[in-house]
Amino acid sequence: MAPPGTAFVTNVGELERYAAQLPQVAGALRRPVATLTEHTATARPMEVGAVSAMERAYGALTEDIAGRQRVMCDRIDATAEALGEIAALYRRVDGQG
């Protein structure tokens, strides 16, 4: 809570800039998801149990990382949308838009 006699101040332009930039951040973080989920089997003359187990573990790990990254990007997009709505609300309340 703000101390008595002080006003709540926000920079609406700054909120709008953040709202506009966050989708670019999410887009940059989405780009490696395809690489993380691309699992190309290595051709080899015989199956080696330890190598196969490692490949399965690696595949599970990268799938998990990619899933978490997708969720993070969705949350960044939602944050950008909310910031844009907050900025628009401030502008309406202040009679600026």
PDB file of N, CA and C in Angstrom:
ATOM      1  N   MET A   1       0.850  -1.179   0.000  1.00  0.00           N
ATOM      2  CA  MET A   1       0.000   0.000   0.000  1.00  0.00           C
ATOM      3  C   MET A   1       0.894   1.240   0.000  1.00  0.00           C
ATOM      4  N   ALA A   2       0.533   2.199  -0.822  1.00  0.00           N
ATOM      5  CA  ALA A   2       1.318   3.435  -0.928  1.00  0.00           C
ATOM      6  C   ALA A   2       1.129   4.275   0.329  1.00  0.00           C
ATOM      7  N   PRO A   3       2.185   4.965   0.749  1.00  0.00           N
ATOM      8  CA  PRO A   3       2.060   5.837   1.918  1.00  0.00           C
ATOM      9  C   PRO A   3       1.043   6.947   1.660  1.00  0.00           C
ATOM     10  N   PRO A   4       0.364   7.426   2.701  1.00  0.00           N
ATOM     11  CA  PRO A   4      -0.610   8.510   2.514  1.00  0.00           C
ATOM     12  C   PRO A   4       0.043   9.713   1.847  1.00  0.00           C
ATOM     13  N   GLY A   5      -0.718  10.316   0.943  1.00  0.00           N
ATOM     14  CA  GLY A   5      -0.233  11.508   0.259  1.00  0.00           C
ATOM     15  C   GLY A   5       0.574  11.217  -0.990  1.00  0.00           C
ATOM     16  N   THR A   6       0.809   9.942  -1.287  1.00  0.00           N
ATOM     17  CA  THR A   6       1.523   9.610  -2.527  1.00  0.00           C
ATOM     18  C   THR A   6       0.536   9.019  -3.512  1.00  0.00           C
ATOM     19  N   ALA A   7       0.810   9.185  -4.766  1.00  0.00           N
ATOM     20  CA  ALA A   7      -0.084   8.695  -5.810  1.00  0.00           C
ATOM     21  C   ALA A   7       0.549   7.491  -6.498  1.00  0.00           C
ATOM     22  N   PHE A   8      -0.299   6.619  -6.959  1.00  0.00           N
ATOM     23  CA  PHE A   8       0.153   5.492  -7.763  1.00  0.00           C
ATOM     24  C   PHE A   8       0.434   6.019  -9.163  1.00  0.00           C
ATOM     25  N   VAL A   9       1.631   5.779  -9.653  1.00  0.00           N
ATOM     26  CA  VAL A   9       2.014   6.278 -10.970  1.00  0.00           C
ATOM     27  C   VAL A   9       2.532   5.105 -11.796  1.00  0.00           C
ATOM     28  N   THR A  10       2.088   5.060 -13.033  1.00  0.00           N
ATOM     29  CA  THR A  10       2.610   4.045 -13.940  1.00  0.00           C
ATOM     30  C   THR A  10       2.887   4.687 -15.293  1.00  0.00           C
ATOM     31  N   ASN A  11       3.846   4.145 -15.971  1.00  0.00           N
ATOM     32  CA  ASN A  11       4.199   4.628 -17.291  1.00  0.00           C
ATOM     33  C   ASN A  11       3.468   3.752 -18.308  1.00  0.00           C
ATOM     34  N   VAL A  12       2.357   4.235 -18.823  1.00  0.00           N
ATOM     35  CA  VAL A  12       1.522   3.462 -19.735  1.00  0.00           C
ATOM     36  C   VAL A  12       2.287   3.123 -21.016  1.00  0.00           C
ATOM     37  N   GLY A  13       3.067   4.066 -21.507  1.00  0.00           N
ATOM     38  CA  GLY A  13       3.858   3.804 -22.710  1.00  0.00           C
ATOM     39  C   GLY A  13       4.822   2.656 -22.513  1.00  0.00           C
ATOM     40  N   GLU A  14       5.413   2.585 -21.336  1.00  0.00           N
ATOM     41  CA  GLU A  14       6.336   1.492 -21.027  1.00  0.00           C
ATOM     42  C   GLU A  14       5.592   0.157 -20.983  1.00  0.00           C
ATOM     43  N   LEU A  15       4.412   0.138 -20.384  1.00  0.00           N
ATOM     44  CA  LEU A  15       3.597  -1.086 -20.377  1.00  0.00           C
ATOM     45  C   LEU A  15       3.291  -1.534 -21.797  1.00  0.00           C
ATOM     46  N   GLU A  16       2.946  -0.582 -22.644  1.00  0.00           N
ATOM     47  CA  GLU A  16       2.628  -0.907 -24.042  1.00  0.00           C
ATOM     48  C   GLU A  16       3.859  -1.451 -24.772  1.00  0.00           C
ATOM     49  N   ARG A  17       5.016  -0.886 -24.502  1.00  0.00           N
ATOM     50  CA  ARG A  17       6.255  -1.393 -25.121  1.00  0.00           C
ATOM     51  C   ARG A  17       6.523  -2.830 -24.688  1.00  0.00           C
ATOM     52  N   TYR A  18       6.386  -3.098 -23.398  1.00  0.00           N
ATOM     53  CA  TYR A  18       6.587  -4.463 -22.909  1.00  0.00           C
ATOM     54  C   TYR A  18       5.580  -5.414 -23.550  1.00  0.00           C
ATOM     55  N   ALA A  19       4.329  -4.978 -23.609  1.00  0.00           N
ATOM     56  CA  ALA A  19       3.286  -5.820 -24.210  1.00  0.00           C
ATOM     57  C   ALA A  19       3.622  -6.135 -25.668  1.00  0.00           C
ATOM     58  N   ALA A  20       4.202  -5.180 -26.375  1.00  0.00           N
ATOM     59  CA  ALA A  20       4.564  -5.384 -27.778  1.00  0.00           C
ATOM     60  C   ALA A  20       5.813  -6.252 -27.938  1.00  0.00           C
ATOM     61  N   GLN A  21       6.735  -6.196 -26.987  1.00  0.00           N
ATOM     62  CA  GLN A  21       7.996  -6.929 -27.100  1.00  0.00           C
ATOM     63  C   GLN A  21       7.908  -8.371 -26.606  1.00  0.00           C
ATOM     64  N   LEU A  22       7.035  -8.645 -25.665  1.00  0.00           N
ATOM     65  CA  LEU A  22       6.965  -9.992 -25.099  1.00  0.00           C
ATOM     66  C   LEU A  22       6.645 -11.078 -26.128  1.00  0.00           C
ATOM     67  N   PRO A  23       5.759 -10.856 -27.106  1.00  0.00           N
ATOM     68  CA  PRO A  23       5.535 -11.905 -28.104  1.00  0.00           C
ATOM     69  C   PRO A  23       6.800 -12.256 -28.895  1.00  0.00           C
ATOM     70  N   GLN A  24       7.678 -11.281 -29.093  1.00  0.00           N
ATOM     71  CA  GLN A  24       8.945 -11.564 -29.772  1.00  0.00           C
ATOM     72  C   GLN A  24       9.822 -12.470 -28.908  1.00  0.00           C
ATOM     73  N   VAL A  25       9.789 -12.248 -27.608  1.00  0.00           N
ATOM     74  CA  VAL A  25      10.548 -13.098 -26.682  1.00  0.00           C
ATOM     75  C   VAL A  25       9.997 -14.523 -26.748  1.00  0.00           C
ATOM     76  N   ALA A  26       8.671 -14.646 -26.692  1.00  0.00           N
ATOM     77  CA  ALA A  26       8.051 -15.974 -26.771  1.00  0.00           C
ATOM     78  C   ALA A  26       8.392 -16.652 -28.098  1.00  0.00           C
ATOM     79  N   GLY A  27       8.382 -15.894 -29.174  1.00  0.00           N
ATOM     80  CA  GLY A  27       8.723 -16.460 -30.472  1.00  0.00           C
ATOM     81  C   GLY A  27      10.152 -16.982 -30.518  1.00  0.00           C
ATOM     82  N   ALA A  28      11.067 -16.225 -29.941  1.00  0.00           N
ATOM     83  CA  ALA A  28      12.466 -16.662 -29.905  1.00  0.00           C
ATOM     84  C   ALA A  28      12.619 -17.934 -29.074  1.00  0.00           C
ATOM     85  N   LEU A  29      11.864 -18.034 -27.997  1.00  0.00           N
ATOM     86  CA  LEU A  29      11.936 -19.230 -27.155  1.00  0.00           C
ATOM     87  C   LEU A  29      11.228 -20.428 -27.785  1.00  0.00           C
ATOM     88  N   ARG A  30      10.276 -20.183 -28.684  1.00  0.00           N
ATOM     89  CA  ARG A  30       9.580 -21.283 -29.362  1.00  0.00           C
ATOM     90  C   ARG A  30      10.438 -21.913 -30.470  1.00  0.00           C
ATOM     91  N   ARG A  31      11.328 -21.137 -31.059  1.00  0.00           N
ATOM     92  CA  ARG A  31      12.107 -21.645 -32.197  1.00  0.00           C
ATOM     93  C   ARG A  31      12.859 -22.946 -31.896  1.00  0.00           C
ATOM     94  N   PRO A  32      13.529 -23.090 -30.750  1.00  0.00           N
ATOM     95  CA  PRO A  32      14.271 -24.339 -30.530  1.00  0.00           C
ATOM     96  C   PRO A  32      13.398 -25.540 -30.156  1.00  0.00           C
ATOM     97  N   VAL A  33      12.101 -25.334 -29.955  1.00  0.00           N
ATOM     98  CA  VAL A  33      11.240 -26.453 -29.552  1.00  0.00           C
ATOM     99  C   VAL A  33      11.263 -27.554 -30.614  1.00  0.00           C
ATOM    100  N   ALA A  34      11.223 -27.187 -31.879  1.00  0.00           N
ATOM    101  CA  ALA A  34      11.244 -28.197 -32.942  1.00  0.00           C
ATOM    102  C   ALA A  34      12.535 -29.014 -32.894  1.00  0.00           C
ATOM    103  N   THR A  35      13.637 -28.372 -32.614  1.00  0.00           N
ATOM    104  CA  THR A  35      14.910 -29.081 -32.517  1.00  0.00           C
ATOM    105  C   THR A  35      14.921 -29.999 -31.297  1.00  0.00           C
ATOM    106  N   LEU A  36      14.366 -29.514 -30.195  1.00  0.00           N
ATOM    107  CA  LEU A  36      14.338 -30.328 -28.978  1.00  0.00           C
ATOM    108  C   LEU A  36      13.509 -31.597 -29.159  1.00  0.00           C
ATOM    109  N   THR A  37      12.482 -31.528 -29.989  1.00  0.00           N
ATOM    110  CA  THR A  37      11.593 -32.681 -30.140  1.00  0.00           C
ATOM    111  C   THR A  37      11.921 -33.530 -31.364  1.00  0.00           C
ATOM    112  N   GLU A  38      12.974 -33.169 -32.066  1.00  0.00           N
ATOM    113  CA  GLU A  38      13.382 -33.962 -33.234  1.00  0.00           C
ATOM    114  C   GLU A  38      14.358 -35.029 -32.769  1.00  0.00           C
ATOM    115  N   HIS A  39      13.903 -36.257 -32.818  1.00  0.00           N
ATOM    116  CA  HIS A  39      14.748 -37.370 -32.362  1.00  0.00           C
ATOM    117  C   HIS A  39      15.020 -38.275 -33.557  1.00  0.00           C
ATOM    118  N   THR A  40      16.221 -38.154 -34.088  1.00  0.00           N
ATOM    119  CA  THR A  40      16.607 -38.942 -35.246  1.00  0.00           C
ATOM    120  C   THR A  40      17.454 -40.109 -34.771  1.00  0.00           C
ATOM    121  N   ALA A  41      16.990 -41.283 -35.079  1.00  0.00           N
ATOM    122  CA  ALA A  41      17.744 -42.475 -34.667  1.00  0.00           C
ATOM    123  C   ALA A  41      19.055 -42.550 -35.441  1.00  0.00           C
ATOM    124  N   THR A  42      20.067 -42.998 -34.762  1.00  0.00           N
ATOM    125  CA  THR A  42      21.378 -43.169 -35.372  1.00  0.00           C
ATOM    126  C   THR A  42      21.478 -44.591 -35.922  1.00  0.00           C
ATOM    127  N   ALA A  43      21.842 -44.679 -37.192  1.00  0.00           N
ATOM    128  CA  ALA A  43      21.999 -46.009 -37.786  1.00  0.00           C
ATOM    129  C   ALA A  43      23.248 -46.673 -37.227  1.00  0.00           C
ATOM    130  N   ARG A  44      23.113 -47.931 -36.808  1.00  0.00           N
ATOM    131  CA  ARG A  44      24.269 -48.680 -36.310  1.00  0.00           C
ATOM    132  C   ARG A  44      24.038 -50.165 -36.590  1.00  0.00           C
ATOM    133  N   PRO A  45      25.113 -50.902 -36.734  1.00  0.00           N
ATOM    134  CA  PRO A  45      24.977 -52.310 -37.131  1.00  0.00           C
ATOM    135  C   PRO A  45      24.315 -53.192 -36.059  1.00  0.00           C
ATOM    136  N   MET A  46      24.485 -52.874 -34.810  1.00  0.00           N
ATOM    137  CA  MET A  46      23.867 -53.696 -33.777  1.00  0.00           C
ATOM    138  C   MET A  46      23.345 -52.814 -32.642  1.00  0.00           C
ATOM    139  N   GLU A  47      22.365 -53.298 -31.967  1.00  0.00           N
ATOM    140  CA  GLU A  47      21.743 -52.575 -30.863  1.00  0.00           C
ATOM    141  C   GLU A  47      22.607 -52.741 -29.608  1.00  0.00           C
ATOM    142  N   VAL A  48      22.875 -51.623 -28.960  1.00  0.00           N
ATOM    143  CA  VAL A  48      23.627 -51.649 -27.697  1.00  0.00           C
ATOM    144  C   VAL A  48      22.672 -51.144 -26.622  1.00  0.00           C
ATOM    145  N   GLY A  49      22.390 -51.992 -25.659  1.00  0.00           N
ATOM    146  CA  GLY A  49      21.392 -51.679 -24.646  1.00  0.00           C
ATOM    147  C   GLY A  49      21.618 -50.353 -23.946  1.00  0.00           C
ATOM    148  N   ALA A  50      22.846 -50.090 -23.540  1.00  0.00           N
ATOM    149  CA  ALA A  50      23.136 -48.853 -22.812  1.00  0.00           C
ATOM    150  C   ALA A  50      22.917 -47.630 -23.700  1.00  0.00           C
ATOM    151  N   VAL A  51      23.279 -47.759 -24.967  1.00  0.00           N
ATOM    152  CA  VAL A  51      23.098 -46.635 -25.895  1.00  0.00           C
ATOM    153  C   VAL A  51      21.607 -46.402 -26.139  1.00  0.00           C
ATOM    154  N   SER A  52      20.852 -47.457 -26.328  1.00  0.00           N
ATOM    155  CA  SER A  52      19.410 -47.322 -26.540  1.00  0.00           C
ATOM    156  C   SER A  52      18.743 -46.708 -25.323  1.00  0.00           C
ATOM    157  N   ALA A  53      19.143 -47.130 -24.139  1.00  0.00           N
ATOM    158  CA  ALA A  53      18.570 -46.577 -22.912  1.00  0.00           C
ATOM    159  C   ALA A  53      18.894 -45.088 -22.798  1.00  0.00           C
ATOM    160  N   MET A  54      20.125 -44.715 -23.144  1.00  0.00           N
ATOM    161  CA  MET A  54      20.530 -43.309 -23.093  1.00  0.00           C
ATOM    162  C   MET A  54      19.739 -42.491 -24.101  1.00  0.00           C
ATOM    163  N   GLU A  55      19.530 -43.032 -25.293  1.00  0.00           N
ATOM    164  CA  GLU A  55      18.752 -42.315 -26.307  1.00  0.00           C
ATOM    165  C   GLU A  55      17.311 -42.109 -25.846  1.00  0.00           C
ATOM    166  N   ARG A  56      16.719 -43.144 -25.223  1.00  0.00           N
ATOM    167  CA  ARG A  56      15.349 -43.004 -24.704  1.00  0.00           C
ATOM    168  C   ARG A  56      15.302 -41.959 -23.597  1.00  0.00           C
ATOM    169  N   ALA A  57      16.284 -41.995 -22.704  1.00  0.00           N
ATOM    170  CA  ALA A  57      16.324 -41.012 -21.604  1.00  0.00           C
ATOM    171  C   ALA A  57      16.510 -39.597 -22.148  1.00  0.00           C
ATOM    172  N   TYR A  58      17.380 -39.456 -23.127  1.00  0.00           N
ATOM    173  CA  TYR A  58      17.608 -38.150 -23.736  1.00  0.00           C
ATOM    174  C   TYR A  58      16.338 -37.659 -24.431  1.00  0.00           C
ATOM    175  N   GLY A  59      15.668 -38.548 -25.136  1.00  0.00           N
ATOM    176  CA  GLY A  59      14.421 -38.181 -25.804  1.00  0.00           C
ATOM    177  C   GLY A  59      13.368 -37.734 -24.806  1.00  0.00           C
ATOM    178  N   ALA A  60      13.249 -38.453 -23.701  1.00  0.00           N
ATOM    179  CA  ALA A  60      12.273 -38.066 -22.668  1.00  0.00           C
ATOM    180  C   ALA A  60      12.628 -36.718 -22.063  1.00  0.00           C
ATOM    181  N   LEU A  61      13.917 -36.494 -21.819  1.00  0.00           N
ATOM    182  CA  LEU A  61      14.369 -35.225 -21.247  1.00  0.00           C
ATOM    183  C   LEU A  61      14.056 -34.067 -22.184  1.00  0.00           C
ATOM    184  N   THR A  62      14.407 -34.197 -23.453  1.00  0.00           N
ATOM    185  CA  THR A  62      14.172 -33.087 -24.384  1.00  0.00           C
ATOM    186  C   THR A  62      12.688 -32.861 -24.637  1.00  0.00           C
ATOM    187  N   GLU A  63      11.878 -33.920 -24.621  1.00  0.00           N
ATOM    188  CA  GLU A  63      10.424 -33.749 -24.740  1.00  0.00           C
ATOM    189  C   GLU A  63       9.893 -32.959 -23.547  1.00  0.00           C
ATOM    190  N   ASP A  64      10.398 -33.269 -22.354  1.00  0.00           N
ATOM    191  CA  ASP A  64       9.975 -32.553 -21.155  1.00  0.00           C
ATOM    192  C   ASP A  64      10.392 -31.078 -21.223  1.00  0.00           C
ATOM    193  N   ILE A  65      11.625 -30.836 -21.627  1.00  0.00           N
ATOM    194  CA  ILE A  65      12.106 -29.454 -21.752  1.00  0.00           C
ATOM    195  C   ILE A  65      11.256 -28.699 -22.778  1.00  0.00           C
ATOM    196  N   ALA A  66      10.983 -29.318 -23.911  1.00  0.00           N
ATOM    197  CA  ALA A  66      10.177 -28.667 -24.948  1.00  0.00           C
ATOM    198  C   ALA A  66       8.771 -28.378 -24.435  1.00  0.00           C
ATOM    199  N   GLY A  67       8.193 -29.316 -23.695  1.00  0.00           N
ATOM    200  CA  GLY A  67       6.861 -29.088 -23.134  1.00  0.00           C
ATOM    201  C   GLY A  67       6.843 -27.927 -22.166  1.00  0.00           C
ATOM    202  N   ARG A  68       7.843 -27.871 -21.318  1.00  0.00           N
ATOM    203  CA  ARG A  68       7.932 -26.754 -20.371  1.00  0.00           C
ATOM    204  C   ARG A  68       8.144 -25.437 -21.107  1.00  0.00           C
ATOM    205  N   GLN A  69       8.936 -25.478 -22.161  1.00  0.00           N
ATOM    206  CA  GLN A  69       9.193 -24.267 -22.935  1.00  0.00           C
ATOM    207  C   GLN A  69       7.918 -23.785 -23.629  1.00  0.00           C
ATOM    208  N   ARG A  70       7.108 -24.714 -24.128  1.00  0.00           N
ATOM    209  CA  ARG A  70       5.824 -24.337 -24.744  1.00  0.00           C
ATOM    210  C   ARG A  70       4.920 -23.647 -23.717  1.00  0.00           C
ATOM    211  N   VAL A  71       4.841 -24.227 -22.516  1.00  0.00           N
ATOM    212  CA  VAL A  71       4.011 -23.642 -21.454  1.00  0.00           C
ATOM    213  C   VAL A  71       4.522 -22.242 -21.108  1.00  0.00           C
ATOM    214  N   MET A  72       5.838 -22.100 -20.979  1.00  0.00           N
ATOM    215  CA  MET A  72       6.433 -20.802 -20.658  1.00  0.00           C
ATOM    216  C   MET A  72       6.081 -19.774 -21.735  1.00  0.00           C
ATOM    217  N   CYS A  73       6.160 -20.167 -22.992  1.00  0.00           N
ATOM    218  CA  CYS A  73       5.843 -19.247 -24.085  1.00  0.00           C
ATOM    219  C   CYS A  73       4.367 -18.855 -24.061  1.00  0.00           C
ATOM    220  N   ASP A  74       3.502 -19.810 -23.764  1.00  0.00           N
ATOM    221  CA  ASP A  74       2.073 -19.484 -23.654  1.00  0.00           C
ATOM    222  C   ASP A  74       1.841 -18.481 -22.528  1.00  0.00           C
ATOM    223  N   ARG A  75       2.557 -18.646 -21.433  1.00  0.00           N
ATOM    224  CA  ARG A  75       2.408 -17.716 -20.307  1.00  0.00           C
ATOM    225  C   ARG A  75       2.969 -16.335 -20.637  1.00  0.00           C
ATOM    226  N   ILE A  76       4.045 -16.292 -21.393  1.00  0.00           N
ATOM    227  CA  ILE A  76       4.592 -15.001 -21.825  1.00  0.00           C
ATOM    228  C   ILE A  76       3.580 -14.299 -22.727  1.00  0.00           C
ATOM    229  N   ASP A  77       2.970 -15.052 -23.648  1.00  0.00           N
ATOM    230  CA  ASP A  77       1.948 -14.466 -24.521  1.00  0.00           C
ATOM    231  C   ASP A  77       0.761 -13.947 -23.706  1.00  0.00           C
ATOM    232  N   ALA A  78       0.332 -14.718 -22.712  1.00  0.00           N
ATOM    233  CA  ALA A  78      -0.791 -14.289 -21.873  1.00  0.00           C
ATOM    234  C   ALA A  78      -0.425 -13.034 -21.081  1.00  0.00           C
ATOM    235  N   THR A  79       0.811 -12.962 -20.618  1.00  0.00           N
ATOM    236  CA  THR A  79       1.275 -11.775 -19.891  1.00  0.00           C
ATOM    237  C   THR A  79       1.276 -10.560 -20.804  1.00  0.00           C
ATOM    238  N   ALA A  80       1.741 -10.736 -22.034  1.00  0.00           N
ATOM    239  CA  ALA A  80       1.751  -9.633 -22.999  1.00  0.00           C
ATOM    240  C   ALA A  80       0.329  -9.141 -23.257  1.00  0.00           C
ATOM    241  N   GLU A  81      -0.594 -10.073 -23.412  1.00  0.00           N
ATOM    242  CA  GLU A  81      -1.986  -9.695 -23.646  1.00  0.00           C
ATOM    243  C   GLU A  81      -2.550  -8.934 -22.442  1.00  0.00           C
ATOM    244  N   ALA A  82      -2.259  -9.426 -21.247  1.00  0.00           N
ATOM    245  CA  ALA A  82      -2.754  -8.760 -20.033  1.00  0.00           C
ATOM    246  C   ALA A  82      -2.154  -7.360 -19.892  1.00  0.00           C
ATOM    247  N   LEU A  83      -0.865  -7.220 -20.169  1.00  0.00           N
ATOM    248  CA  LEU A  83      -0.243  -5.890 -20.098  1.00  0.00           C
ATOM    249  C   LEU A  83      -0.881  -4.930 -21.083  1.00  0.00           C
ATOM    250  N   GLY A  84      -1.153  -5.421 -22.293  1.00  0.00           N
ATOM    251  CA  GLY A  84      -1.818  -4.575 -23.283  1.00  0.00           C
ATOM    252  C   GLY A  84      -3.197  -4.140 -22.808  1.00  0.00           C
ATOM    253  N   GLU A  85      -3.938  -5.055 -22.195  1.00  0.00           N
ATOM    254  CA  GLU A  85      -5.268  -4.714 -21.682  1.00  0.00           C
ATOM    255  C   GLU A  85      -5.173  -3.736 -20.512  1.00  0.00           C
ATOM    256  N   ILE A  86      -4.178  -3.912 -19.656  1.00  0.00           N
ATOM    257  CA  ILE A  86      -3.982  -2.990 -18.530  1.00  0.00           C
ATOM    258  C   ILE A  86      -3.662  -1.589 -19.043  1.00  0.00           C
ATOM    259  N   ALA A  87      -2.763  -1.509 -20.022  1.00  0.00           N
ATOM    260  CA  ALA A  87      -2.406  -0.203 -20.594  1.00  0.00           C
ATOM    261  C   ALA A  87      -3.625   0.453 -21.226  1.00  0.00           C
ATOM    262  N   ALA A  88      -4.427  -0.335 -21.942  1.00  0.00           N
ATOM    263  CA  ALA A  88      -5.636   0.224 -22.571  1.00  0.00           C
ATOM    264  C   ALA A  88      -6.613   0.712 -21.508  1.00  0.00           C
ATOM    265  N   LEU A  89      -6.736  -0.022 -20.414  1.00  0.00           N
ATOM    266  CA  LEU A  89      -7.607   0.393 -19.324  1.00  0.00           C
ATOM    267  C   LEU A  89      -7.127   1.700 -18.711  1.00  0.00           C
ATOM    268  N   TYR A  90      -5.833   1.818 -18.449  1.00  0.00           N
ATOM    269  CA  TYR A  90      -5.280   3.071 -17.912  1.00  0.00           C
ATOM    270  C   TYR A  90      -5.574   4.239 -18.844  1.00  0.00           C
ATOM    271  N   ARG A  91      -5.410   3.998 -20.143  1.00  0.00           N
ATOM    272  CA  ARG A  91      -5.667   5.079 -21.109  1.00  0.00           C
ATOM    273  C   ARG A  91      -7.130   5.499 -21.085  1.00  0.00           C
ATOM    274  N   ARG A  92      -8.051   4.545 -20.996  1.00  0.00           N
ATOM    275  CA  ARG A  92      -9.476   4.863 -20.935  1.00  0.00           C
ATOM    276  C   ARG A  92      -9.812   5.627 -19.649  1.00  0.00           C
ATOM    277  N   VAL A  93      -9.267   5.180 -18.517  1.00  0.00           N
ATOM    278  CA  VAL A  93      -9.539   5.820 -17.233  1.00  0.00           C
ATOM    279  C   VAL A  93      -9.004   7.254 -17.237  1.00  0.00           C
ATOM    280  N   ASP A  94      -7.842   7.444 -17.848  1.00  0.00           N
ATOM    281  CA  ASP A  94      -7.238   8.774 -17.910  1.00  0.00           C
ATOM    282  C   ASP A  94      -7.815   9.627 -19.047  1.00  0.00           C
ATOM    283  N   GLY A  95      -8.715   9.049 -19.836  1.00  0.00           N
ATOM    284  CA  GLY A  95      -9.297   9.768 -20.958  1.00  0.00           C
ATOM    285  C   GLY A  95      -8.338   9.935 -22.106  1.00  0.00           C
ATOM    286  N   GLN A  96      -7.346   9.026 -22.230  1.00  0.00           N
ATOM    287  CA  GLN A  96      -6.339   9.133 -23.286  1.00  0.00           C
ATOM    288  C   GLN A  96      -6.634   8.235 -24.478  1.00  0.00           C
ATOM    289  N   GLY A  97      -7.665   7.437 -24.384  1.00  0.00           N
ATOM    290  CA  GLY A  97      -7.837   6.534 -25.513  1.00  0.00           C
ATOM    291  C   GLY A  97      -9.146   5.869 -25.564  1.00  0.00           C
TER     292      GLY A  97
END
